[in-house]
Amino acid sequence: MKVLEDSFAFKVGDLDCLVIRDTVSPMDLDLLFPSIKGKEMEGLLDKYHVPRGKVMDVMCLLIRIGQQIVLIDTGWGVNKQPGWGRLIPILRNNGIKPERINTVVISHGHPDHIGGNADAKGKPLFPEARYFMFKKEWDFWTSLPDLKQIEKWVQQEMHAYVRNNLIPLRERFTLVEEKTEFLPGIKFIWAPGHSPYHCILNISSGAEQLLYSSDLIHHPLQIARPECSVFGDFNPEQARRTRAKIISQSSKTNMLVFACHFPFPGLGRINKNGDLLTWQPINTNS
């Protein structure tokens, strides 16, 4: 394992993987969990021994599969806030030019997962890459749906990102179905709720597996309390059911999980102690 301030190298079987810390923003738990306020949140963090984080990360994942260099999600992009969207500089610092990326995989259509697809004019930032996305998720977002349950300004921002970072790249996208192995050892698993056709990914090599949890979970509190929904969940009740199911399944398999908004580098396992499930980060010093 190799850990830097903004990237972290690890292996899954024969796969060389790299976590990339695209964006670091202040942690605002009142915004993240709008239905849990003040002392109630403090009590939950104490009860489940969840550390008080000061920042929230947006992380992407790079995987080498033979001659292919695969990037999963592309972060915010460079136009959001100063210091955000650091994906490409971090790739370059690791000796990877954008044109060497063969494949980009998009888990779902939210701005912080598609923002680095293109520049401000819709020009691809990974000019040699083909893109993969779950067909139903693509169809939903590119229809520019009316998201009545979301504040108007948020909907407008989401639509703007889709217009700039998805629709102009249509010819580069291959749209796939659930559980289709579209790359060696990589499959989409439909995990609805945060968006209607939000996906997580199962990544396997030999006997080892990695769950790319995308936006299934945003904060370690949700491991112990999966019913805690976050700002931006399209269907909170569906998101709760999906989260509880997959967290339970992951605890039984002891598989490695990558949670792209957890504290850097976002890698760990879900442990079960009686009826309590907890997040156990990996030891980055080993």
C-alpha atoms as a PDB file:
ATOM      1  CA  MET A   1       0.000   0.000   0.000  1.00  0.00           C
ATOM      2  CA  LYS A   2       1.181   3.498  -0.820  1.00  0.00           C
ATOM      3  CA  VAL A   3      -0.536   6.484   0.759  1.00  0.00           C
ATOM      4  CA  LEU A   4      -0.072  10.111  -0.224  1.00  0.00           C
ATOM      5  CA  GLU A   5      -2.085  13.157   0.816  1.00  0.00           C
ATOM      6  CA  ASP A   6      -4.318  12.930  -2.250  1.00  0.00           C
ATOM      7  CA  SER A   7      -3.970   9.363  -3.543  1.00  0.00           C
ATOM      8  CA  PHE A   8      -3.738   5.866  -2.135  1.00  0.00           C
ATOM      9  CA  ALA A   9      -2.504   2.758  -3.961  1.00  0.00           C
ATOM     10  CA  PHE A  10      -3.740  -0.738  -3.067  1.00  0.00           C
ATOM     11  CA  LYS A  11      -4.457  -4.093  -4.700  1.00  0.00           C
ATOM     12  CA  VAL A  12      -7.513  -6.261  -5.223  1.00  0.00           C
ATOM     13  CA  GLY A  13      -6.224  -9.637  -6.330  1.00  0.00           C
ATOM     14  CA  ASP A  14      -4.099  -8.900  -9.393  1.00  0.00           C
ATOM     15  CA  LEU A  15      -5.626  -5.448  -9.917  1.00  0.00           C
ATOM     16  CA  ASP A  16      -3.614  -2.326  -9.142  1.00  0.00           C
ATOM     17  CA  CYS A  17      -5.977   0.295  -7.751  1.00  0.00           C
ATOM     18  CA  LEU A  18      -5.584   3.961  -6.890  1.00  0.00           C
ATOM     19  CA  VAL A  19      -7.918   6.117  -4.796  1.00  0.00           C
ATOM     20  CA  ILE A  20      -7.913   9.738  -5.988  1.00  0.00           C
ATOM     21  CA  ARG A  21      -9.045  12.499  -3.633  1.00  0.00           C
ATOM     22  CA  ASP A  22     -10.738  14.799  -6.130  1.00  0.00           C
ATOM     23  CA  THR A  23     -12.320  17.248  -3.670  1.00  0.00           C
ATOM     24  CA  VAL A  24     -12.241  18.041   0.038  1.00  0.00           C
ATOM     25  CA  SER A  25     -15.023  20.235   1.426  1.00  0.00           C
ATOM     26  CA  PRO A  26     -16.104  21.196   4.960  1.00  0.00           C
ATOM     27  CA  MET A  27     -18.350  18.667   6.689  1.00  0.00           C
ATOM     28  CA  ASP A  28     -21.800  20.112   7.388  1.00  0.00           C
ATOM     29  CA  LEU A  29     -23.827  17.424   9.152  1.00  0.00           C
ATOM     30  CA  ASP A  30     -26.903  19.661   9.361  1.00  0.00           C
ATOM     31  CA  LEU A  31     -26.911  19.858   5.564  1.00  0.00           C
ATOM     32  CA  LEU A  32     -25.990  16.207   5.031  1.00  0.00           C
ATOM     33  CA  PHE A  33     -28.646  14.890   7.437  1.00  0.00           C
ATOM     34  CA  PRO A  34     -31.376  17.561   7.338  1.00  0.00           C
ATOM     35  CA  SER A  35     -33.770  15.563   9.542  1.00  0.00           C
ATOM     36  CA  ILE A  36     -31.229  15.099  12.383  1.00  0.00           C
ATOM     37  CA  LYS A  37     -30.327  18.215  14.301  1.00  0.00           C
ATOM     38  CA  GLY A  38     -27.915  19.374  16.976  1.00  0.00           C
ATOM     39  CA  LYS A  39     -27.959  17.284  20.149  1.00  0.00           C
ATOM     40  CA  GLU A  40     -29.655  14.342  18.447  1.00  0.00           C
ATOM     41  CA  MET A  41     -26.749  14.054  16.009  1.00  0.00           C
ATOM     42  CA  GLU A  42     -24.210  14.421  18.809  1.00  0.00           C
ATOM     43  CA  GLY A  43     -25.969  11.636  20.692  1.00  0.00           C
ATOM     44  CA  LEU A  44     -25.905   9.297  17.687  1.00  0.00           C
ATOM     45  CA  LEU A  45     -22.216   9.909  17.043  1.00  0.00           C
ATOM     46  CA  ASP A  46     -21.444   9.176  20.707  1.00  0.00           C
ATOM     47  CA  LYS A  47     -23.670   6.094  20.858  1.00  0.00           C
ATOM     48  CA  TYR A  48     -22.085   4.461  17.814  1.00  0.00           C
ATOM     49  CA  HIS A  49     -18.547   5.752  18.430  1.00  0.00           C
ATOM     50  CA  VAL A  50     -18.411   7.531  15.087  1.00  0.00           C
ATOM     51  CA  PRO A  51     -15.518  10.018  14.847  1.00  0.00           C
ATOM     52  CA  ARG A  52     -16.419  13.645  14.230  1.00  0.00           C
ATOM     53  CA  GLY A  53     -15.107  14.423  10.796  1.00  0.00           C
ATOM     54  CA  LYS A  54     -14.323  17.988   9.764  1.00  0.00           C
ATOM     55  CA  VAL A  55     -14.315  17.396   6.002  1.00  0.00           C
ATOM     56  CA  MET A  56     -16.173  15.370   3.408  1.00  0.00           C
ATOM     57  CA  ASP A  57     -14.250  13.866   0.525  1.00  0.00           C
ATOM     58  CA  VAL A  58     -15.205  13.208  -3.071  1.00  0.00           C
ATOM     59  CA  MET A  59     -13.031  10.357  -4.318  1.00  0.00           C
ATOM     60  CA  CYS A  60     -12.638   8.505  -7.599  1.00  0.00           C
ATOM     61  CA  LEU A  61     -11.068   5.111  -8.247  1.00  0.00           C
ATOM     62  CA  LEU A  62      -8.524   4.092 -10.870  1.00  0.00           C
ATOM     63  CA  ILE A  63      -8.017   0.416 -11.761  1.00  0.00           C
ATOM     64  CA  ARG A  64      -5.511  -1.213 -14.091  1.00  0.00           C
ATOM     65  CA  ILE A  65      -6.929  -4.278 -15.854  1.00  0.00           C
ATOM     66  CA  GLY A  66      -4.224  -5.641 -18.113  1.00  0.00           C
ATOM     67  CA  GLN A  67      -3.516  -2.885 -20.633  1.00  0.00           C
ATOM     68  CA  GLN A  68      -6.658  -0.988 -19.691  1.00  0.00           C
ATOM     69  CA  ILE A  69      -6.639   1.970 -17.316  1.00  0.00           C
ATOM     70  CA  VAL A  70     -10.154   2.319 -15.933  1.00  0.00           C
ATOM     71  CA  LEU A  71     -11.434   5.375 -14.076  1.00  0.00           C
ATOM     72  CA  ILE A  72     -14.627   5.071 -12.030  1.00  0.00           C
ATOM     73  CA  ASP A  73     -16.423   8.407 -11.708  1.00  0.00           C
ATOM     74  CA  THR A  74     -14.787  11.746 -12.442  1.00  0.00           C
ATOM     75  CA  GLY A  75     -15.537  13.990  -9.458  1.00  0.00           C
ATOM     76  CA  TRP A  76     -16.733  17.590  -9.514  1.00  0.00           C
ATOM     77  CA  GLY A  77     -14.686  18.964 -12.373  1.00  0.00           C
ATOM     78  CA  VAL A  78     -12.696  22.173 -12.218  1.00  0.00           C
ATOM     79  CA  ASN A  79     -15.472  24.765 -12.480  1.00  0.00           C
ATOM     80  CA  LYS A  80     -17.274  24.336  -9.150  1.00  0.00           C
ATOM     81  CA  GLN A  81     -15.128  25.903  -6.404  1.00  0.00           C
ATOM     82  CA  PRO A  82     -11.441  26.843  -6.041  1.00  0.00           C
ATOM     83  CA  GLY A  83      -9.483  23.739  -5.061  1.00  0.00           C
ATOM     84  CA  TRP A  84     -12.213  21.344  -6.154  1.00  0.00           C
ATOM     85  CA  GLY A  85     -11.933  18.950  -9.079  1.00  0.00           C
ATOM     86  CA  ARG A  86      -8.282  17.951  -8.606  1.00  0.00           C
ATOM     87  CA  LEU A  87      -8.630  14.639 -10.461  1.00  0.00           C
ATOM     88  CA  ILE A  88      -6.434  15.419 -13.474  1.00  0.00           C
ATOM     89  CA  PRO A  89      -3.549  17.073 -11.554  1.00  0.00           C
ATOM     90  CA  ILE A  90      -3.483  14.086  -9.186  1.00  0.00           C
ATOM     91  CA  LEU A  91      -3.458  11.661 -12.112  1.00  0.00           C
ATOM     92  CA  ARG A  92      -0.518  13.569 -13.598  1.00  0.00           C
ATOM     93  CA  ASN A  93       1.300  13.501 -10.247  1.00  0.00           C
ATOM     94  CA  ASN A  94       0.954   9.712 -10.402  1.00  0.00           C
ATOM     95  CA  GLY A  95       2.407   9.610 -13.900  1.00  0.00           C
ATOM     96  CA  ILE A  96      -0.924   9.130 -15.700  1.00  0.00           C
ATOM     97  CA  LYS A  97      -1.822  11.477 -18.544  1.00  0.00           C
ATOM     98  CA  PRO A  98      -5.562  11.918 -19.257  1.00  0.00           C
ATOM     99  CA  GLU A  99      -5.165  10.485 -22.761  1.00  0.00           C
ATOM    100  CA  ARG A 100      -3.918   7.207 -21.261  1.00  0.00           C
ATOM    101  CA  ILE A 101      -7.300   6.545 -19.656  1.00  0.00           C
ATOM    102  CA  ASN A 102      -8.941   3.851 -21.826  1.00  0.00           C
ATOM    103  CA  THR A 103     -12.238   3.588 -19.993  1.00  0.00           C
ATOM    104  CA  VAL A 104     -14.439   5.738 -17.776  1.00  0.00           C
ATOM    105  CA  VAL A 105     -17.253   4.157 -15.747  1.00  0.00           C
ATOM    106  CA  ILE A 106     -20.050   6.350 -14.354  1.00  0.00           C
ATOM    107  CA  SER A 107     -21.962   5.044 -11.327  1.00  0.00           C
ATOM    108  CA  HIS A 108     -24.795   7.585 -11.529  1.00  0.00           C
ATOM    109  CA  GLY A 109     -25.625  10.992 -12.943  1.00  0.00           C
ATOM    110  CA  HIS A 110     -25.015  13.356 -10.015  1.00  0.00           C
ATOM    111  CA  PRO A 111     -22.682  16.342 -10.544  1.00  0.00           C
ATOM    112  CA  ASP A 112     -19.901  15.179  -8.213  1.00  0.00           C
ATOM    113  CA  HIS A 113     -19.614  11.919 -10.174  1.00  0.00           C
ATOM    114  CA  ILE A 114     -19.782  13.261 -13.747  1.00  0.00           C
ATOM    115  CA  GLY A 115     -18.280  16.754 -13.410  1.00  0.00           C
ATOM    116  CA  GLY A 116     -14.826  15.718 -14.638  1.00  0.00           C
ATOM    117  CA  ASN A 117     -16.107  14.100 -17.840  1.00  0.00           C
ATOM    118  CA  ALA A 118     -15.712  17.282 -19.892  1.00  0.00           C
ATOM    119  CA  ASP A 119     -14.445  20.827 -19.771  1.00  0.00           C
ATOM    120  CA  ALA A 120     -16.706  23.890 -19.623  1.00  0.00           C
ATOM    121  CA  LYS A 121     -17.423  23.598 -23.368  1.00  0.00           C
ATOM    122  CA  GLY A 122     -18.389  19.927 -23.219  1.00  0.00           C
ATOM    123  CA  LYS A 123     -15.068  18.717 -24.666  1.00  0.00           C
ATOM    124  CA  PRO A 124     -14.022  15.309 -23.259  1.00  0.00           C
ATOM    125  CA  LEU A 125     -11.226  15.520 -20.708  1.00  0.00           C
ATOM    126  CA  PHE A 126     -10.307  11.893 -21.419  1.00  0.00           C
ATOM    127  CA  PRO A 127     -10.119  12.020 -25.214  1.00  0.00           C
ATOM    128  CA  GLU A 128      -9.213   8.351 -25.804  1.00  0.00           C
ATOM    129  CA  ALA A 129     -11.703   6.866 -23.354  1.00  0.00           C
ATOM    130  CA  ARG A 130     -14.895   4.959 -23.955  1.00  0.00           C
ATOM    131  CA  TYR A 131     -17.553   5.401 -21.269  1.00  0.00           C
ATOM    132  CA  PHE A 132     -19.873   2.937 -19.568  1.00  0.00           C
ATOM    133  CA  MET A 133     -23.071   3.689 -17.652  1.00  0.00           C
ATOM    134  CA  PHE A 134     -26.155   1.768 -16.523  1.00  0.00           C
ATOM    135  CA  LYS A 135     -28.650   2.234 -19.339  1.00  0.00           C
ATOM    136  CA  LYS A 136     -31.646   3.125 -17.159  1.00  0.00           C
ATOM    137  CA  GLU A 137     -29.627   5.726 -15.243  1.00  0.00           C
ATOM    138  CA  TRP A 138     -28.472   7.306 -18.506  1.00  0.00           C
ATOM    139  CA  ASP A 139     -32.014   7.343 -19.877  1.00  0.00           C
ATOM    140  CA  PHE A 140     -33.368   8.942 -16.703  1.00  0.00           C
ATOM    141  CA  TRP A 141     -30.899  11.818 -16.455  1.00  0.00           C
ATOM    142  CA  THR A 142     -30.604  12.625 -20.147  1.00  0.00           C
ATOM    143  CA  SER A 143     -34.391  13.028 -20.296  1.00  0.00           C
ATOM    144  CA  LEU A 144     -33.803  16.057 -18.002  1.00  0.00           C
ATOM    145  CA  PRO A 145     -36.597  14.936 -15.667  1.00  0.00           C
ATOM    146  CA  ASP A 146     -38.742  17.201 -13.533  1.00  0.00           C
ATOM    147  CA  LEU A 147     -37.422  16.588 -10.012  1.00  0.00           C
ATOM    148  CA  LYS A 148     -40.272  18.120  -8.067  1.00  0.00           C
ATOM    149  CA  GLN A 149     -39.069  16.832  -4.708  1.00  0.00           C
ATOM    150  CA  ILE A 150     -35.725  18.641  -5.080  1.00  0.00           C
ATOM    151  CA  GLU A 151     -35.175  22.370  -4.616  1.00  0.00           C
ATOM    152  CA  LYS A 152     -35.326  24.210  -7.921  1.00  0.00           C
ATOM    153  CA  TRP A 153     -31.753  25.522  -7.818  1.00  0.00           C
ATOM    154  CA  VAL A 154     -30.415  21.995  -7.167  1.00  0.00           C
ATOM    155  CA  GLN A 155     -32.429  20.618 -10.079  1.00  0.00           C
ATOM    156  CA  GLN A 156     -31.125  23.358 -12.341  1.00  0.00           C
ATOM    157  CA  GLU A 157     -27.540  22.563 -11.379  1.00  0.00           C
ATOM    158  CA  MET A 158     -28.061  18.837 -11.980  1.00  0.00           C
ATOM    159  CA  HIS A 159     -29.535  19.500 -15.411  1.00  0.00           C
ATOM    160  CA  ALA A 160     -26.662  21.834 -16.285  1.00  0.00           C
ATOM    161  CA  TYR A 161     -24.115  19.128 -15.479  1.00  0.00           C
ATOM    162  CA  VAL A 162     -26.014  16.564 -17.552  1.00  0.00           C
ATOM    163  CA  ARG A 163     -26.184  18.952 -20.517  1.00  0.00           C
ATOM    164  CA  ASN A 164     -22.439  19.580 -20.357  1.00  0.00           C
ATOM    165  CA  ASN A 165     -20.966  16.304 -19.086  1.00  0.00           C
ATOM    166  CA  LEU A 166     -23.218  13.539 -20.391  1.00  0.00           C
ATOM    167  CA  ILE A 167     -25.269  14.492 -23.447  1.00  0.00           C
ATOM    168  CA  PRO A 168     -22.383  15.825 -25.620  1.00  0.00           C
ATOM    169  CA  LEU A 169     -20.480  12.553 -25.041  1.00  0.00           C
ATOM    170  CA  ARG A 170     -23.311  10.233 -26.121  1.00  0.00           C
ATOM    171  CA  GLU A 171     -21.353   8.584 -28.949  1.00  0.00           C
ATOM    172  CA  ARG A 172     -18.624   7.618 -26.509  1.00  0.00           C
ATOM    173  CA  PHE A 173     -21.011   5.854 -24.120  1.00  0.00           C
ATOM    174  CA  THR A 174     -21.840   2.172 -24.041  1.00  0.00           C
ATOM    175  CA  LEU A 175     -25.020   1.642 -22.025  1.00  0.00           C
ATOM    176  CA  VAL A 176     -25.200  -1.650 -20.168  1.00  0.00           C
ATOM    177  CA  GLU A 177     -27.638  -3.682 -18.118  1.00  0.00           C
ATOM    178  CA  GLU A 178     -27.418  -4.719 -14.486  1.00  0.00           C
ATOM    179  CA  LYS A 179     -25.040  -7.587 -13.590  1.00  0.00           C
ATOM    180  CA  THR A 180     -23.495  -7.618 -17.069  1.00  0.00           C
ATOM    181  CA  GLU A 181     -19.716  -8.044 -16.829  1.00  0.00           C
ATOM    182  CA  PHE A 182     -18.941  -5.118 -19.129  1.00  0.00           C
ATOM    183  CA  LEU A 183     -15.245  -5.185 -18.186  1.00  0.00           C
ATOM    184  CA  PRO A 184     -13.287  -8.173 -16.828  1.00  0.00           C
ATOM    185  CA  GLY A 185     -14.401  -8.600 -13.221  1.00  0.00           C
ATOM    186  CA  ILE A 186     -16.603  -5.464 -13.122  1.00  0.00           C
ATOM    187  CA  LYS A 187     -20.415  -5.405 -12.925  1.00  0.00           C
ATOM    188  CA  PHE A 188     -23.067  -2.820 -12.128  1.00  0.00           C
ATOM    189  CA  ILE A 189     -25.463  -3.675  -9.290  1.00  0.00           C
ATOM    190  CA  TRP A 190     -28.662  -1.631  -9.217  1.00  0.00           C
ATOM    191  CA  ALA A 191     -28.921   0.121  -5.846  1.00  0.00           C
ATOM    192  CA  PRO A 192     -31.859   2.548  -6.188  1.00  0.00           C
ATOM    193  CA  GLY A 193     -32.934   5.368  -3.916  1.00  0.00           C
ATOM    194  CA  HIS A 194     -30.220   7.989  -4.036  1.00  0.00           C
ATOM    195  CA  SER A 195     -31.111   8.293  -7.689  1.00  0.00           C
ATOM    196  CA  PRO A 196     -33.714   6.069  -9.385  1.00  0.00           C
ATOM    197  CA  TYR A 197     -31.150   3.876 -11.142  1.00  0.00           C
ATOM    198  CA  HIS A 198     -28.104   4.559  -8.994  1.00  0.00           C
ATOM    199  CA  CYS A 199     -25.554   1.741  -9.199  1.00  0.00           C
ATOM    200  CA  ILE A 200     -22.801   0.324  -7.091  1.00  0.00           C
ATOM    201  CA  LEU A 201     -20.103  -1.853  -8.644  1.00  0.00           C
ATOM    202  CA  ASN A 202     -18.771  -5.278  -7.822  1.00  0.00           C
ATOM    203  CA  ILE A 203     -15.089  -5.555  -8.723  1.00  0.00           C
ATOM    204  CA  SER A 204     -13.393  -8.950  -8.462  1.00  0.00           C
ATOM    205  CA  SER A 205     -10.015 -10.491  -9.167  1.00  0.00           C
ATOM    206  CA  GLY A 206      -9.318 -14.087  -8.209  1.00  0.00           C
ATOM    207  CA  ALA A 207     -10.734 -14.715  -4.742  1.00  0.00           C
ATOM    208  CA  GLU A 208     -10.808 -11.019  -3.779  1.00  0.00           C
ATOM    209  CA  GLN A 209     -13.683  -8.582  -4.204  1.00  0.00           C
ATOM    210  CA  LEU A 210     -14.196  -4.856  -3.807  1.00  0.00           C
ATOM    211  CA  LEU A 211     -17.547  -3.120  -3.472  1.00  0.00           C
ATOM    212  CA  TYR A 212     -17.553   0.371  -4.991  1.00  0.00           C
ATOM    213  CA  SER A 213     -20.423   1.752  -2.937  1.00  0.00           C
ATOM    214  CA  SER A 214     -20.824   5.039  -4.845  1.00  0.00           C
ATOM    215  CA  ASP A 215     -23.510   7.088  -2.999  1.00  0.00           C
ATOM    216  CA  LEU A 216     -25.087   4.184  -1.169  1.00  0.00           C
ATOM    217  CA  ILE A 217     -23.419   5.546   1.966  1.00  0.00           C
ATOM    218  CA  HIS A 218     -22.095   9.047   2.636  1.00  0.00           C
ATOM    219  CA  HIS A 219     -21.091   8.896   6.298  1.00  0.00           C
ATOM    220  CA  PRO A 220     -19.965   6.136   8.718  1.00  0.00           C
ATOM    221  CA  LEU A 221     -23.059   6.759  10.864  1.00  0.00           C
ATOM    222  CA  GLN A 222     -25.117   5.123   8.105  1.00  0.00           C
ATOM    223  CA  ILE A 223     -23.411   1.780   8.707  1.00  0.00           C
ATOM    224  CA  ALA A 224     -24.922   1.560  12.193  1.00  0.00           C
ATOM    225  CA  ARG A 225     -28.052   3.492  11.232  1.00  0.00           C
ATOM    226  CA  PRO A 226     -28.847   2.827   7.539  1.00  0.00           C
ATOM    227  CA  GLU A 227     -32.256   4.471   8.001  1.00  0.00           C
ATOM    228  CA  CYS A 228     -30.508   7.855   8.207  1.00  0.00           C
ATOM    229  CA  SER A 229     -31.087   9.420   4.803  1.00  0.00           C
ATOM    230  CA  VAL A 230     -29.027  12.238   3.375  1.00  0.00           C
ATOM    231  CA  PHE A 231     -29.702  15.399   1.433  1.00  0.00           C
ATOM    232  CA  GLY A 232     -30.111  14.505  -2.230  1.00  0.00           C
ATOM    233  CA  ASP A 233     -31.710  11.069  -1.808  1.00  0.00           C
ATOM    234  CA  PHE A 234     -34.265  10.956  -4.641  1.00  0.00           C
ATOM    235  CA  ASN A 235     -36.455   8.449  -2.791  1.00  0.00           C
ATOM    236  CA  PRO A 236     -35.406   8.385   0.893  1.00  0.00           C
ATOM    237  CA  GLU A 237     -37.459   5.324   1.825  1.00  0.00           C
ATOM    238  CA  GLN A 238     -36.136   3.309  -1.101  1.00  0.00           C
ATOM    239  CA  ALA A 239     -32.603   4.485  -0.318  1.00  0.00           C
ATOM    240  CA  ARG A 240     -32.998   3.263   3.290  1.00  0.00           C
ATOM    241  CA  ARG A 241     -34.139  -0.185   2.173  1.00  0.00           C
ATOM    242  CA  THR A 242     -31.361  -0.512  -0.387  1.00  0.00           C
ATOM    243  CA  ARG A 243     -28.724   0.692   2.062  1.00  0.00           C
ATOM    244  CA  ALA A 244     -29.819  -1.694   4.824  1.00  0.00           C
ATOM    245  CA  LYS A 245     -29.864  -4.675   2.447  1.00  0.00           C
ATOM    246  CA  ILE A 246     -26.437  -4.097   0.921  1.00  0.00           C
ATOM    247  CA  ILE A 247     -24.764  -3.152   4.207  1.00  0.00           C
ATOM    248  CA  SER A 248     -26.063  -6.386   5.733  1.00  0.00           C
ATOM    249  CA  GLN A 249     -24.865  -8.437   2.764  1.00  0.00           C
ATOM    250  CA  SER A 250     -21.428  -6.817   2.857  1.00  0.00           C
ATOM    251  CA  SER A 251     -21.026  -7.552   6.571  1.00  0.00           C
ATOM    252  CA  LYS A 252     -21.610 -11.253   5.901  1.00  0.00           C
ATOM    253  CA  THR A 253     -19.002 -11.501   3.161  1.00  0.00           C
ATOM    254  CA  ASN A 254     -16.366  -9.311   4.870  1.00  0.00           C
ATOM    255  CA  MET A 255     -15.551  -7.864   1.453  1.00  0.00           C
ATOM    256  CA  LEU A 256     -13.509  -4.718   1.074  1.00  0.00           C
ATOM    257  CA  VAL A 257     -15.668  -1.617   0.546  1.00  0.00           C
ATOM    258  CA  PHE A 258     -14.737   1.675  -1.090  1.00  0.00           C
ATOM    259  CA  ALA A 259     -16.964   4.504   0.144  1.00  0.00           C
ATOM    260  CA  CYS A 260     -16.133   7.540  -1.957  1.00  0.00           C
ATOM    261  CA  HIS A 261     -17.380  10.162   0.553  1.00  0.00           C
ATOM    262  CA  PHE A 262     -15.953   8.573   3.719  1.00  0.00           C
ATOM    263  CA  PRO A 263     -12.719   9.845   5.290  1.00  0.00           C
ATOM    264  CA  PHE A 264      -9.769   9.349   2.923  1.00  0.00           C
ATOM    265  CA  PRO A 265      -8.937   6.809   1.549  1.00  0.00           C
ATOM    266  CA  GLY A 266     -12.500   5.514   2.029  1.00  0.00           C
ATOM    267  CA  LEU A 267     -11.534   1.835   2.268  1.00  0.00           C
ATOM    268  CA  GLY A 268     -12.709  -0.527   4.970  1.00  0.00           C
ATOM    269  CA  ARG A 269     -14.937  -3.394   5.968  1.00  0.00           C
ATOM    270  CA  ILE A 270     -18.317  -3.615   7.650  1.00  0.00           C
ATOM    271  CA  ASN A 271     -18.037  -5.493  10.935  1.00  0.00           C
ATOM    272  CA  LYS A 272     -20.868  -7.134  12.838  1.00  0.00           C
ATOM    273  CA  ASN A 273     -20.858  -7.212  16.628  1.00  0.00           C
ATOM    274  CA  GLY A 274     -24.123  -8.701  17.846  1.00  0.00           C
ATOM    275  CA  ASP A 275     -26.809  -6.591  16.225  1.00  0.00           C
ATOM    276  CA  LEU A 276     -24.497  -3.640  15.663  1.00  0.00           C
ATOM    277  CA  LEU A 277     -22.757  -2.987  12.351  1.00  0.00           C
ATOM    278  CA  THR A 278     -19.729  -0.692  12.324  1.00  0.00           C
ATOM    279  CA  TRP A 279     -17.238   0.678   9.820  1.00  0.00           C
ATOM    280  CA  GLN A 280     -13.656  -0.556  10.212  1.00  0.00           C
ATOM    281  CA  PRO A 281     -11.214   1.483   8.106  1.00  0.00           C
ATOM    282  CA  ILE A 282      -8.218  -0.332   6.708  1.00  0.00           C
ATOM    283  CA  ASN A 283      -4.828   0.152   8.297  1.00  0.00           C
ATOM    284  CA  THR A 284      -3.006   2.434   5.872  1.00  0.00           C
ATOM    285  CA  ASN A 285       0.306   1.896   7.676  1.00  0.00           C
ATOM    286  CA  SER A 286       0.612  -1.812   6.841  1.00  0.00           C
END
